[in-house]
Amino acid sequence: MLRPDQEIWLLAHDYIISLKAQRILLLSQLTKKFDDLGPELEDEILGLSGQNIDRLALALLDMNTLDTLTSWLVKADPYFRRQAADHL
């Protein structure tokens, strides 16, 4: 039998593993759809919160260009917005 702190640790660990798997799957889908995302977009996608991963997974169905993806990321993540502005 596990102690409560061990149970919490296992639940957190499972959540982290699940979130990582979702990120990798989403990145694979986006790479298949848009070919080369580039390291900056890949890093941004891998750093998204669980909630934004779910949102992007649905939004990608309506995306047709890499610009659409970049625009979505700018709206979803204030940090990405600052990064994108630095590259303009």
C-alpha atoms as a PDB file:
ATOM      1  CA  MET A   1       0.000   0.000   0.000  1.00  0.00           C
ATOM      2  CA  LEU A   2       1.263   3.448  -0.895  1.00  0.00           C
ATOM      3  CA  ARG A   3       1.504   6.372   1.459  1.00  0.00           C
ATOM      4  CA  PRO A   4      -0.585   9.430   0.471  1.00  0.00           C
ATOM      5  CA  ASP A   5       2.546  11.374  -0.554  1.00  0.00           C
ATOM      6  CA  GLN A   6       3.588   8.490  -2.804  1.00  0.00           C
ATOM      7  CA  GLU A   7       0.142   8.397  -4.402  1.00  0.00           C
ATOM      8  CA  ILE A   8       0.298  12.124  -5.085  1.00  0.00           C
ATOM      9  CA  TRP A   9       3.759  11.745  -6.574  1.00  0.00           C
ATOM     10  CA  LEU A  10       2.577   8.934  -8.852  1.00  0.00           C
ATOM     11  CA  LEU A  11      -0.444  10.928 -10.010  1.00  0.00           C
ATOM     12  CA  ALA A  12       1.737  13.947 -10.754  1.00  0.00           C
ATOM     13  CA  HIS A  13       4.253  11.753 -12.561  1.00  0.00           C
ATOM     14  CA  ASP A  14       1.517  10.156 -14.694  1.00  0.00           C
ATOM     15  CA  TYR A  15       0.116  13.599 -15.530  1.00  0.00           C
ATOM     16  CA  ILE A  16       3.546  14.853 -16.601  1.00  0.00           C
ATOM     17  CA  ILE A  17       4.144  11.778 -18.766  1.00  0.00           C
ATOM     18  CA  SER A  18       0.700  12.135 -20.327  1.00  0.00           C
ATOM     19  CA  LEU A  19       1.243  15.828 -21.037  1.00  0.00           C
ATOM     20  CA  LYS A  20       4.624  15.105 -22.605  1.00  0.00           C
ATOM     21  CA  ALA A  21       3.026  12.454 -24.837  1.00  0.00           C
ATOM     22  CA  GLN A  22       0.317  14.926 -25.900  1.00  0.00           C
ATOM     23  CA  ARG A  23       2.955  17.526 -26.770  1.00  0.00           C
ATOM     24  CA  ILE A  24       4.951  15.040 -28.828  1.00  0.00           C
ATOM     25  CA  LEU A  25       1.839  13.813 -30.657  1.00  0.00           C
ATOM     26  CA  LEU A  26       0.735  17.376 -31.414  1.00  0.00           C
ATOM     27  CA  LEU A  27       4.218  18.279 -32.620  1.00  0.00           C
ATOM     28  CA  SER A  28       4.169  15.234 -34.919  1.00  0.00           C
ATOM     29  CA  GLN A  29       0.796  16.246 -36.330  1.00  0.00           C
ATOM     30  CA  LEU A  30       1.909  19.827 -36.938  1.00  0.00           C
ATOM     31  CA  THR A  31       5.157  18.666 -38.551  1.00  0.00           C
ATOM     32  CA  LYS A  32       3.218  16.365 -40.864  1.00  0.00           C
ATOM     33  CA  LYS A  33       0.830  19.170 -41.798  1.00  0.00           C
ATOM     34  CA  PHE A  34       3.381  21.990 -42.236  1.00  0.00           C
ATOM     35  CA  ASP A  35       6.621  20.053 -42.900  1.00  0.00           C
ATOM     36  CA  ASP A  36       9.446  21.868 -41.113  1.00  0.00           C
ATOM     37  CA  LEU A  37       8.346  23.956 -38.130  1.00  0.00           C
ATOM     38  CA  GLY A  38      11.818  25.093 -37.205  1.00  0.00           C
ATOM     39  CA  PRO A  39      13.378  24.878 -33.751  1.00  0.00           C
ATOM     40  CA  GLU A  40      11.747  28.042 -32.365  1.00  0.00           C
ATOM     41  CA  LEU A  41       8.191  26.879 -33.102  1.00  0.00           C
ATOM     42  CA  GLU A  42       8.975  23.365 -31.886  1.00  0.00           C
ATOM     43  CA  ASP A  43      10.303  24.735 -28.596  1.00  0.00           C
ATOM     44  CA  GLU A  44       7.246  26.955 -28.210  1.00  0.00           C
ATOM     45  CA  ILE A  45       4.861  24.048 -28.790  1.00  0.00           C
ATOM     46  CA  LEU A  46       6.753  21.794 -26.379  1.00  0.00           C
ATOM     47  CA  GLY A  47       6.473  24.530 -23.751  1.00  0.00           C
ATOM     48  CA  LEU A  48       2.708  25.048 -24.012  1.00  0.00           C
ATOM     49  CA  SER A  49       0.510  24.436 -20.991  1.00  0.00           C
ATOM     50  CA  GLY A  50      -1.790  21.422 -20.950  1.00  0.00           C
ATOM     51  CA  GLN A  51      -4.785  23.655 -21.597  1.00  0.00           C
ATOM     52  CA  ASN A  52      -3.131  25.269 -24.622  1.00  0.00           C
ATOM     53  CA  ILE A  53      -2.060  21.861 -25.939  1.00  0.00           C
ATOM     54  CA  ASP A  54      -5.727  20.821 -25.963  1.00  0.00           C
ATOM     55  CA  ARG A  55      -6.770  24.090 -27.611  1.00  0.00           C
ATOM     56  CA  LEU A  56      -4.087  23.870 -30.278  1.00  0.00           C
ATOM     57  CA  ALA A  57      -4.967  20.240 -31.022  1.00  0.00           C
ATOM     58  CA  LEU A  58      -8.464  21.405 -31.977  1.00  0.00           C
ATOM     59  CA  ALA A  59      -7.381  24.622 -33.674  1.00  0.00           C
ATOM     60  CA  LEU A  60      -4.902  22.833 -35.919  1.00  0.00           C
ATOM     61  CA  LEU A  61      -7.806  21.257 -37.772  1.00  0.00           C
ATOM     62  CA  ASP A  62      -8.671  24.705 -39.171  1.00  0.00           C
ATOM     63  CA  MET A  63      -5.111  25.831 -39.862  1.00  0.00           C
ATOM     64  CA  ASN A  64      -3.896  25.974 -43.430  1.00  0.00           C
ATOM     65  CA  THR A  65      -0.584  27.806 -43.187  1.00  0.00           C
ATOM     66  CA  LEU A  66       2.370  28.166 -40.869  1.00  0.00           C
ATOM     67  CA  ASP A  67       1.372  31.819 -40.449  1.00  0.00           C
ATOM     68  CA  THR A  68      -1.956  30.656 -39.015  1.00  0.00           C
ATOM     69  CA  LEU A  69      -0.075  28.557 -36.461  1.00  0.00           C
ATOM     70  CA  THR A  70       2.222  31.442 -35.560  1.00  0.00           C
ATOM     71  CA  SER A  71      -0.746  33.791 -35.156  1.00  0.00           C
ATOM     72  CA  TRP A  72      -2.464  31.283 -32.889  1.00  0.00           C
ATOM     73  CA  LEU A  73       0.662  30.973 -30.741  1.00  0.00           C
ATOM     74  CA  VAL A  74       0.974  34.758 -30.470  1.00  0.00           C
ATOM     75  CA  LYS A  75      -2.608  35.001 -29.192  1.00  0.00           C
ATOM     76  CA  ALA A  76      -2.283  32.028 -26.833  1.00  0.00           C
ATOM     77  CA  ASP A  77       1.066  32.765 -25.224  1.00  0.00           C
ATOM     78  CA  PRO A  78       2.229  36.249 -24.157  1.00  0.00           C
ATOM     79  CA  TYR A  79       5.848  35.041 -23.945  1.00  0.00           C
ATOM     80  CA  PHE A  80       5.736  33.915 -27.570  1.00  0.00           C
ATOM     81  CA  ARG A  81       4.294  37.302 -28.491  1.00  0.00           C
ATOM     82  CA  ARG A  82       7.377  39.000 -27.027  1.00  0.00           C
ATOM     83  CA  GLN A  83       9.684  36.538 -28.754  1.00  0.00           C
ATOM     84  CA  ALA A  84       7.964  37.030 -32.120  1.00  0.00           C
ATOM     85  CA  ALA A  85       8.213  40.819 -31.792  1.00  0.00           C
ATOM     86  CA  ASP A  86      11.947  40.508 -31.117  1.00  0.00           C
ATOM     87  CA  HIS A  87      12.394  38.732 -34.463  1.00  0.00           C
ATOM     88  CA  LEU A  88      10.533  41.314 -36.545  1.00  0.00           C
END
